[in-house]
Amino acid sequence: MKERVFDVIERVSGMDDFREDENMDLFEAGILDSMGAIMLIVDLEEEFGVSLPPSEMDREDWNTAAKIVDRIEEKVNE
């Protein structure tokens, strides 16, 4: 699942720097911005068949690739 999430992040951002450091802050590193975050949510919902309401997605709770993987795993297992 981790690789699938990483593939979605890379597809949305056009960058793969986060693969070397999955705890890198994606917003501070310029990998994601607010528009990229919305695109990421939509792509993750489609890829994994989950619902990710923006109201449940605090930036601090999913600002790294590792946190995004954890969140998707939680949603898939609900």
PDB file of N, CA and C in Angstrom:
ATOM      1  N   MET A   1       0.820  -1.194   0.000  1.00  0.00           N
ATOM      2  CA  MET A   1       0.000   0.000   0.000  1.00  0.00           C
ATOM      3  C   MET A   1       0.867   1.262   0.000  1.00  0.00           C
ATOM      4  N   LYS A   2       1.960   1.209   0.719  1.00  0.00           N
ATOM      5  CA  LYS A   2       2.856   2.360   0.810  1.00  0.00           C
ATOM      6  C   LYS A   2       3.302   2.817  -0.579  1.00  0.00           C
ATOM      7  N   GLU A   3       3.698   1.889  -1.425  1.00  0.00           N
ATOM      8  CA  GLU A   3       4.171   2.252  -2.763  1.00  0.00           C
ATOM      9  C   GLU A   3       3.053   2.851  -3.606  1.00  0.00           C
ATOM     10  N   ARG A   4       1.846   2.344  -3.443  1.00  0.00           N
ATOM     11  CA  ARG A   4       0.705   2.908  -4.184  1.00  0.00           C
ATOM     12  C   ARG A   4       0.430   4.343  -3.749  1.00  0.00           C
ATOM     13  N   VAL A   5       0.497   4.601  -2.439  1.00  0.00           N
ATOM     14  CA  VAL A   5       0.300   5.965  -1.935  1.00  0.00           C
ATOM     15  C   VAL A   5       1.415   6.858  -2.471  1.00  0.00           C
ATOM     16  N   PHE A   6       2.646   6.385  -2.405  1.00  0.00           N
ATOM     17  CA  PHE A   6       3.780   7.172  -2.903  1.00  0.00           C
ATOM     18  C   PHE A   6       3.611   7.467  -4.391  1.00  0.00           C
ATOM     19  N   ASP A   7       3.124   6.499  -5.152  1.00  0.00           N
ATOM     20  CA  ASP A   7       2.911   6.703  -6.588  1.00  0.00           C
ATOM     21  C   ASP A   7       1.888   7.807  -6.836  1.00  0.00           C
ATOM     22  N   VAL A   8       0.835   7.846  -6.013  1.00  0.00           N
ATOM     23  CA  VAL A   8      -0.186   8.892  -6.160  1.00  0.00           C
ATOM     24  C   VAL A   8       0.417  10.252  -5.823  1.00  0.00           C
ATOM     25  N   ILE A   9       1.165  10.336  -4.744  1.00  0.00           N
ATOM     26  CA  ILE A   9       1.805  11.604  -4.365  1.00  0.00           C
ATOM     27  C   ILE A   9       2.714  12.073  -5.498  1.00  0.00           C
ATOM     28  N   GLU A  10       3.496  11.159  -6.041  1.00  0.00           N
ATOM     29  CA  GLU A  10       4.417  11.517  -7.123  1.00  0.00           C
ATOM     30  C   GLU A  10       3.647  11.960  -8.370  1.00  0.00           C
ATOM     31  N   ARG A  11       2.571  11.274  -8.695  1.00  0.00           N
ATOM     32  CA  ARG A  11       1.774  11.627  -9.871  1.00  0.00           C
ATOM     33  C   ARG A  11       1.183  13.028  -9.719  1.00  0.00           C
ATOM     34  N   VAL A  12       0.683  13.351  -8.537  1.00  0.00           N
ATOM     35  CA  VAL A  12       0.061  14.652  -8.293  1.00  0.00           C
ATOM     36  C   VAL A  12       1.101  15.770  -8.255  1.00  0.00           C
ATOM     37  N   SER A  13       2.218  15.505  -7.593  1.00  0.00           N
ATOM     38  CA  SER A  13       3.210  16.567  -7.382  1.00  0.00           C
ATOM     39  C   SER A  13       4.239  16.673  -8.495  1.00  0.00           C
ATOM     40  N   GLY A  14       4.446  15.585  -9.214  1.00  0.00           N
ATOM     41  CA  GLY A  14       5.495  15.577 -10.230  1.00  0.00           C
ATOM     42  C   GLY A  14       6.884  15.495  -9.630  1.00  0.00           C
ATOM     43  N   MET A  15       6.962  15.166  -8.349  1.00  0.00           N
ATOM     44  CA  MET A  15       8.248  15.095  -7.659  1.00  0.00           C
ATOM     45  C   MET A  15       8.349  13.778  -6.897  1.00  0.00           C
ATOM     46  N   ASP A  16       9.584  13.329  -6.681  1.00  0.00           N
ATOM     47  CA  ASP A  16       9.766  12.090  -5.930  1.00  0.00           C
ATOM     48  C   ASP A  16      10.773  12.223  -4.788  1.00  0.00           C
ATOM     49  N   ASP A  17      11.167  13.448  -4.452  1.00  0.00           N
ATOM     50  CA  ASP A  17      12.141  13.682  -3.375  1.00  0.00           C
ATOM     51  C   ASP A  17      11.710  13.062  -2.052  1.00  0.00           C
ATOM     52  N   PHE A  18      10.415  13.028  -1.793  1.00  0.00           N
ATOM     53  CA  PHE A  18       9.886  12.519  -0.532  1.00  0.00           C
ATOM     54  C   PHE A  18      10.165  11.026  -0.342  1.00  0.00           C
ATOM     55  N   ARG A  19      10.452  10.307  -1.418  1.00  0.00           N
ATOM     56  CA  ARG A  19      10.712   8.863  -1.313  1.00  0.00           C
ATOM     57  C   ARG A  19      11.983   8.582  -0.505  1.00  0.00           C
ATOM     58  N   GLU A  20      12.919   9.513  -0.533  1.00  0.00           N
ATOM     59  CA  GLU A  20      14.161   9.352   0.229  1.00  0.00           C
ATOM     60  C   GLU A  20      13.958   9.655   1.707  1.00  0.00           C
ATOM     61  N   ASP A  21      12.989  10.498   2.019  1.00  0.00           N
ATOM     62  CA  ASP A  21      12.703  10.871   3.404  1.00  0.00           C
ATOM     63  C   ASP A  21      11.189  10.978   3.561  1.00  0.00           C
ATOM     64  N   GLU A  22      10.560   9.878   3.944  1.00  0.00           N
ATOM     65  CA  GLU A  22       9.099   9.865   4.006  1.00  0.00           C
ATOM     66  C   GLU A  22       8.536  10.713   5.135  1.00  0.00           C
ATOM     67  N   ASN A  23       9.405  11.280   5.978  1.00  0.00           N
ATOM     68  CA  ASN A  23       8.961  12.191   7.033  1.00  0.00           C
ATOM     69  C   ASN A  23       9.204  13.653   6.674  1.00  0.00           C
ATOM     70  N   MET A  24       9.605  13.903   5.438  1.00  0.00           N
ATOM     71  CA  MET A  24       9.800  15.259   4.938  1.00  0.00           C
ATOM     72  C   MET A  24       8.452  15.973   4.894  1.00  0.00           C
ATOM     73  N   ASP A  25       8.420  17.229   5.343  1.00  0.00           N
ATOM     74  CA  ASP A  25       7.191  18.014   5.276  1.00  0.00           C
ATOM     75  C   ASP A  25       6.953  18.385   3.808  1.00  0.00           C
ATOM     76  N   LEU A  26       5.908  17.835   3.226  1.00  0.00           N
ATOM     77  CA  LEU A  26       5.633  18.007   1.803  1.00  0.00           C
ATOM     78  C   LEU A  26       5.280  19.441   1.442  1.00  0.00           C
ATOM     79  N   PHE A  27       4.692  20.169   2.372  1.00  0.00           N
ATOM     80  CA  PHE A  27       4.325  21.559   2.108  1.00  0.00           C
ATOM     81  C   PHE A  27       5.547  22.464   2.214  1.00  0.00           C
ATOM     82  N   GLU A  28       6.348  22.282   3.249  1.00  0.00           N
ATOM     83  CA  GLU A  28       7.550  23.092   3.414  1.00  0.00           C
ATOM     84  C   GLU A  28       8.551  22.852   2.288  1.00  0.00           C
ATOM     85  N   ALA A  29       8.596  21.616   1.784  1.00  0.00           N
ATOM     86  CA  ALA A  29       9.535  21.273   0.707  1.00  0.00           C
ATOM     87  C   ALA A  29       9.024  21.725  -0.664  1.00  0.00           C
ATOM     88  N   GLY A  30       7.805  22.245  -0.727  1.00  0.00           N
ATOM     89  CA  GLY A  30       7.253  22.706  -1.993  1.00  0.00           C
ATOM     90  C   GLY A  30       6.731  21.583  -2.883  1.00  0.00           C
ATOM     91  N   ILE A  31       6.585  20.403  -2.312  1.00  0.00           N
ATOM     92  CA  ILE A  31       6.077  19.258  -3.071  1.00  0.00           C
ATOM     93  C   ILE A  31       4.560  19.358  -3.213  1.00  0.00           C
ATOM     94  N   LEU A  32       3.895  19.854  -2.169  1.00  0.00           N
ATOM     95  CA  LEU A  32       2.449  20.078  -2.206  1.00  0.00           C
ATOM     96  C   LEU A  32       2.140  21.517  -1.846  1.00  0.00           C
ATOM     97  N   ASP A  33       1.089  22.033  -2.460  1.00  0.00           N
ATOM     98  CA  ASP A  33       0.510  23.307  -2.069  1.00  0.00           C
ATOM     99  C   ASP A  33      -0.987  23.053  -1.878  1.00  0.00           C
ATOM    100  N   SER A  34      -1.766  24.094  -1.659  1.00  0.00           N
ATOM    101  CA  SER A  34      -3.180  23.872  -1.368  1.00  0.00           C
ATOM    102  C   SER A  34      -3.906  23.211  -2.539  1.00  0.00           C
ATOM    103  N   MET A  35      -3.603  23.598  -3.760  1.00  0.00           N
ATOM    104  CA  MET A  35      -4.250  22.971  -4.918  1.00  0.00           C
ATOM    105  C   MET A  35      -3.784  21.523  -5.060  1.00  0.00           C
ATOM    106  N   GLY A  36      -2.505  21.281  -4.866  1.00  0.00           N
ATOM    107  CA  GLY A  36      -1.975  19.926  -4.927  1.00  0.00           C
ATOM    108  C   GLY A  36      -2.592  19.038  -3.862  1.00  0.00           C
ATOM    109  N   ALA A  37      -2.865  19.612  -2.703  1.00  0.00           N
ATOM    110  CA  ALA A  37      -3.465  18.840  -1.613  1.00  0.00           C
ATOM    111  C   ALA A  37      -4.865  18.380  -2.004  1.00  0.00           C
ATOM    112  N   ILE A  38      -5.641  19.258  -2.633  1.00  0.00           N
ATOM    113  CA  ILE A  38      -6.988  18.881  -3.074  1.00  0.00           C
ATOM    114  C   ILE A  38      -6.907  17.800  -4.144  1.00  0.00           C
ATOM    115  N   MET A  39      -5.993  17.964  -5.087  1.00  0.00           N
ATOM    116  CA  MET A  39      -5.813  16.957  -6.136  1.00  0.00           C
ATOM    117  C   MET A  39      -5.391  15.621  -5.532  1.00  0.00           C
ATOM    118  N   LEU A  40      -4.530  15.682  -4.518  1.00  0.00           N
ATOM    119  CA  LEU A  40      -4.071  14.467  -3.848  1.00  0.00           C
ATOM    120  C   LEU A  40      -5.238  13.750  -3.172  1.00  0.00           C
ATOM    121  N   ILE A  41      -6.070  14.498  -2.483  1.00  0.00           N
ATOM    122  CA  ILE A  41      -7.228  13.903  -1.810  1.00  0.00           C
ATOM    123  C   ILE A  41      -8.120  13.188  -2.827  1.00  0.00           C
ATOM    124  N   VAL A  42      -8.411  13.858  -3.929  1.00  0.00           N
ATOM    125  CA  VAL A  42      -9.276  13.270  -4.959  1.00  0.00           C
ATOM    126  C   VAL A  42      -8.647  11.996  -5.517  1.00  0.00           C
ATOM    127  N   ASP A  43      -7.362  12.048  -5.844  1.00  0.00           N
ATOM    128  CA  ASP A  43      -6.684  10.873  -6.408  1.00  0.00           C
ATOM    129  C   ASP A  43      -6.616   9.723  -5.412  1.00  0.00           C
ATOM    130  N   LEU A  44      -6.368  10.028  -4.135  1.00  0.00           N
ATOM    131  CA  LEU A  44      -6.311   8.973  -3.118  1.00  0.00           C
ATOM    132  C   LEU A  44      -7.680   8.338  -2.925  1.00  0.00           C
ATOM    133  N   GLU A  45      -8.722   9.153  -2.950  1.00  0.00           N
ATOM    134  CA  GLU A  45     -10.079   8.611  -2.827  1.00  0.00           C
ATOM    135  C   GLU A  45     -10.373   7.649  -3.974  1.00  0.00           C
ATOM    136  N   GLU A  46     -10.008   8.039  -5.178  1.00  0.00           N
ATOM    137  CA  GLU A  46     -10.249   7.192  -6.346  1.00  0.00           C
ATOM    138  C   GLU A  46      -9.396   5.926  -6.300  1.00  0.00           C
ATOM    139  N   GLU A  47      -8.137   6.069  -5.954  1.00  0.00           N
ATOM    140  CA  GLU A  47      -7.200   4.933  -5.945  1.00  0.00           C
ATOM    141  C   GLU A  47      -7.596   3.881  -4.915  1.00  0.00           C
ATOM    142  N   PHE A  48      -8.048   4.331  -3.738  1.00  0.00           N
ATOM    143  CA  PHE A  48      -8.284   3.395  -2.638  1.00  0.00           C
ATOM    144  C   PHE A  48      -9.756   3.204  -2.286  1.00  0.00           C
ATOM    145  N   GLY A  49     -10.648   3.905  -2.965  1.00  0.00           N
ATOM    146  CA  GLY A  49     -12.070   3.736  -2.700  1.00  0.00           C
ATOM    147  C   GLY A  49     -12.472   4.166  -1.304  1.00  0.00           C
ATOM    148  N   VAL A  50     -11.854   5.239  -0.818  1.00  0.00           N
ATOM    149  CA  VAL A  50     -12.158   5.754   0.520  1.00  0.00           C
ATOM    150  C   VAL A  50     -12.678   7.179   0.402  1.00  0.00           C
ATOM    151  N   SER A  51     -13.259   7.665   1.485  1.00  0.00           N
ATOM    152  CA  SER A  51     -13.713   9.045   1.554  1.00  0.00           C
ATOM    153  C   SER A  51     -12.784   9.813   2.485  1.00  0.00           C
ATOM    154  N   LEU A  52     -12.254  10.925   1.994  1.00  0.00           N
ATOM    155  CA  LEU A  52     -11.347  11.750   2.788  1.00  0.00           C
ATOM    156  C   LEU A  52     -11.891  13.176   2.837  1.00  0.00           C
ATOM    157  N   PRO A  53     -12.876  13.416   3.699  1.00  0.00           N
ATOM    158  CA  PRO A  53     -13.434  14.768   3.794  1.00  0.00           C
ATOM    159  C   PRO A  53     -12.356  15.771   4.204  1.00  0.00           C
ATOM    160  N   PRO A  54     -12.229  16.878   3.474  1.00  0.00           N
ATOM    161  CA  PRO A  54     -11.211  17.877   3.819  1.00  0.00           C
ATOM    162  C   PRO A  54     -11.302  18.347   5.269  1.00  0.00           C
ATOM    163  N   SER A  55     -12.513  18.316   5.834  1.00  0.00           N
ATOM    164  CA  SER A  55     -12.679  18.745   7.225  1.00  0.00           C
ATOM    165  C   SER A  55     -11.951  17.816   8.201  1.00  0.00           C
ATOM    166  N   GLU A  56     -11.673  16.585   7.779  1.00  0.00           N
ATOM    167  CA  GLU A  56     -10.953  15.623   8.624  1.00  0.00           C
ATOM    168  C   GLU A  56      -9.459  15.608   8.331  1.00  0.00           C
ATOM    169  N   MET A  57      -9.018  16.437   7.400  1.00  0.00           N
ATOM    170  CA  MET A  57      -7.635  16.378   6.945  1.00  0.00           C
ATOM    171  C   MET A  57      -6.869  17.627   7.381  1.00  0.00           C
ATOM    172  N   ASP A  58      -6.534  17.714   8.656  1.00  0.00           N
ATOM    173  CA  ASP A  58      -5.705  18.820   9.121  1.00  0.00           C
ATOM    174  C   ASP A  58      -4.325  18.691   8.494  1.00  0.00           C
ATOM    175  N   ARG A  59      -3.814  19.796   8.019  1.00  0.00           N
ATOM    176  CA  ARG A  59      -2.519  19.788   7.321  1.00  0.00           C
ATOM    177  C   ARG A  59      -1.419  19.119   8.152  1.00  0.00           C
ATOM    178  N   GLU A  60      -1.394  19.378   9.446  1.00  0.00           N
ATOM    179  CA  GLU A  60      -0.364  18.809  10.314  1.00  0.00           C
ATOM    180  C   GLU A  60      -0.499  17.291  10.460  1.00  0.00           C
ATOM    181  N   ASP A  61      -1.703  16.784  10.213  1.00  0.00           N
ATOM    182  CA  ASP A  61      -1.941  15.349  10.352  1.00  0.00           C
ATOM    183  C   ASP A  61      -1.570  14.555   9.103  1.00  0.00           C
ATOM    184  N   TRP A  62      -1.271  15.258   8.008  1.00  0.00           N
ATOM    185  CA  TRP A  62      -0.925  14.541   6.778  1.00  0.00           C
ATOM    186  C   TRP A  62       0.041  15.336   5.903  1.00  0.00           C
ATOM    187  N   ASN A  63       1.022  15.957   6.573  1.00  0.00           N
ATOM    188  CA  ASN A  63       2.009  16.763   5.853  1.00  0.00           C
ATOM    189  C   ASN A  63       3.249  15.982   5.435  1.00  0.00           C
ATOM    190  N   THR A  64       3.281  14.690   5.734  1.00  0.00           N
ATOM    191  CA  THR A  64       4.398  13.851   5.294  1.00  0.00           C
ATOM    192  C   THR A  64       3.845  12.624   4.581  1.00  0.00           C
ATOM    193  N   ALA A  65       4.670  12.022   3.757  1.00  0.00           N
ATOM    194  CA  ALA A  65       4.247  10.807   3.049  1.00  0.00           C
ATOM    195  C   ALA A  65       3.905   9.703   4.039  1.00  0.00           C
ATOM    196  N   ALA A  66       4.680   9.586   5.110  1.00  0.00           N
ATOM    197  CA  ALA A  66       4.433   8.549   6.118  1.00  0.00           C
ATOM    198  C   ALA A  66       3.064   8.738   6.772  1.00  0.00           C
ATOM    199  N   LYS A  67       2.708   9.976   7.085  1.00  0.00           N
ATOM    200  CA  LYS A  67       1.405  10.250   7.699  1.00  0.00           C
ATOM    201  C   LYS A  67       0.264   9.965   6.729  1.00  0.00           C
ATOM    202  N   ILE A  68       0.483  10.250   5.455  1.00  0.00           N
ATOM    203  CA  ILE A  68      -0.543   9.986   4.455  1.00  0.00           C
ATOM    204  C   ILE A  68      -0.780   8.477   4.341  1.00  0.00           C
ATOM    205  N   VAL A  69       0.293   7.709   4.324  1.00  0.00           N
ATOM    206  CA  VAL A  69       0.176   6.247   4.266  1.00  0.00           C
ATOM    207  C   VAL A  69      -0.619   5.753   5.472  1.00  0.00           C
ATOM    208  N   ASP A  70      -0.270   6.237   6.666  1.00  0.00           N
ATOM    209  CA  ASP A  70      -0.985   5.823   7.883  1.00  0.00           C
ATOM    210  C   ASP A  70      -2.474   6.146   7.786  1.00  0.00           C
ATOM    211  N   ARG A  71      -2.791   7.338   7.294  1.00  0.00           N
ATOM    212  CA  ARG A  71      -4.189   7.771   7.194  1.00  0.00           C
ATOM    213  C   ARG A  71      -4.968   6.905   6.204  1.00  0.00           C
ATOM    214  N   ILE A  72      -4.347   6.601   5.071  1.00  0.00           N
ATOM    215  CA  ILE A  72      -5.018   5.764   4.070  1.00  0.00           C
ATOM    216  C   ILE A  72      -5.223   4.357   4.625  1.00  0.00           C
ATOM    217  N   GLU A  73      -4.232   3.822   5.315  1.00  0.00           N
ATOM    218  CA  GLU A  73      -4.386   2.491   5.915  1.00  0.00           C
ATOM    219  C   GLU A  73      -5.538   2.471   6.905  1.00  0.00           C
ATOM    220  N   GLU A  74      -5.663   3.533   7.726  1.00  0.00           N
ATOM    221  CA  GLU A  74      -6.772   3.621   8.669  1.00  0.00           C
ATOM    222  C   GLU A  74      -8.112   3.618   7.934  1.00  0.00           C
ATOM    223  N   LYS A  75      -8.211   4.425   6.882  1.00  0.00           N
ATOM    224  CA  LYS A  75      -9.459   4.545   6.132  1.00  0.00           C
ATOM    225  C   LYS A  75      -9.831   3.234   5.434  1.00  0.00           C
ATOM    226  N   VAL A  76      -8.843   2.571   4.859  1.00  0.00           N
ATOM    227  CA  VAL A  76      -9.103   1.310   4.162  1.00  0.00           C
ATOM    228  C   VAL A  76      -9.585   0.255   5.139  1.00  0.00           C
ATOM    229  N   ASN A  77      -9.086   0.296   6.366  1.00  0.00           N
ATOM    230  CA  ASN A  77      -9.414  -0.722   7.365  1.00  0.00           C
ATOM    231  C   ASN A  77     -10.663  -0.383   8.191  1.00  0.00           C
ATOM    232  N   GLU A  78     -11.308   0.734   7.916  1.00  0.00           N
ATOM    233  CA  GLU A  78     -12.529   1.118   8.666  1.00  0.00           C
ATOM    234  C   GLU A  78     -13.687   0.206   8.326  1.00  0.00           C
TER     235      GLU A  78
END
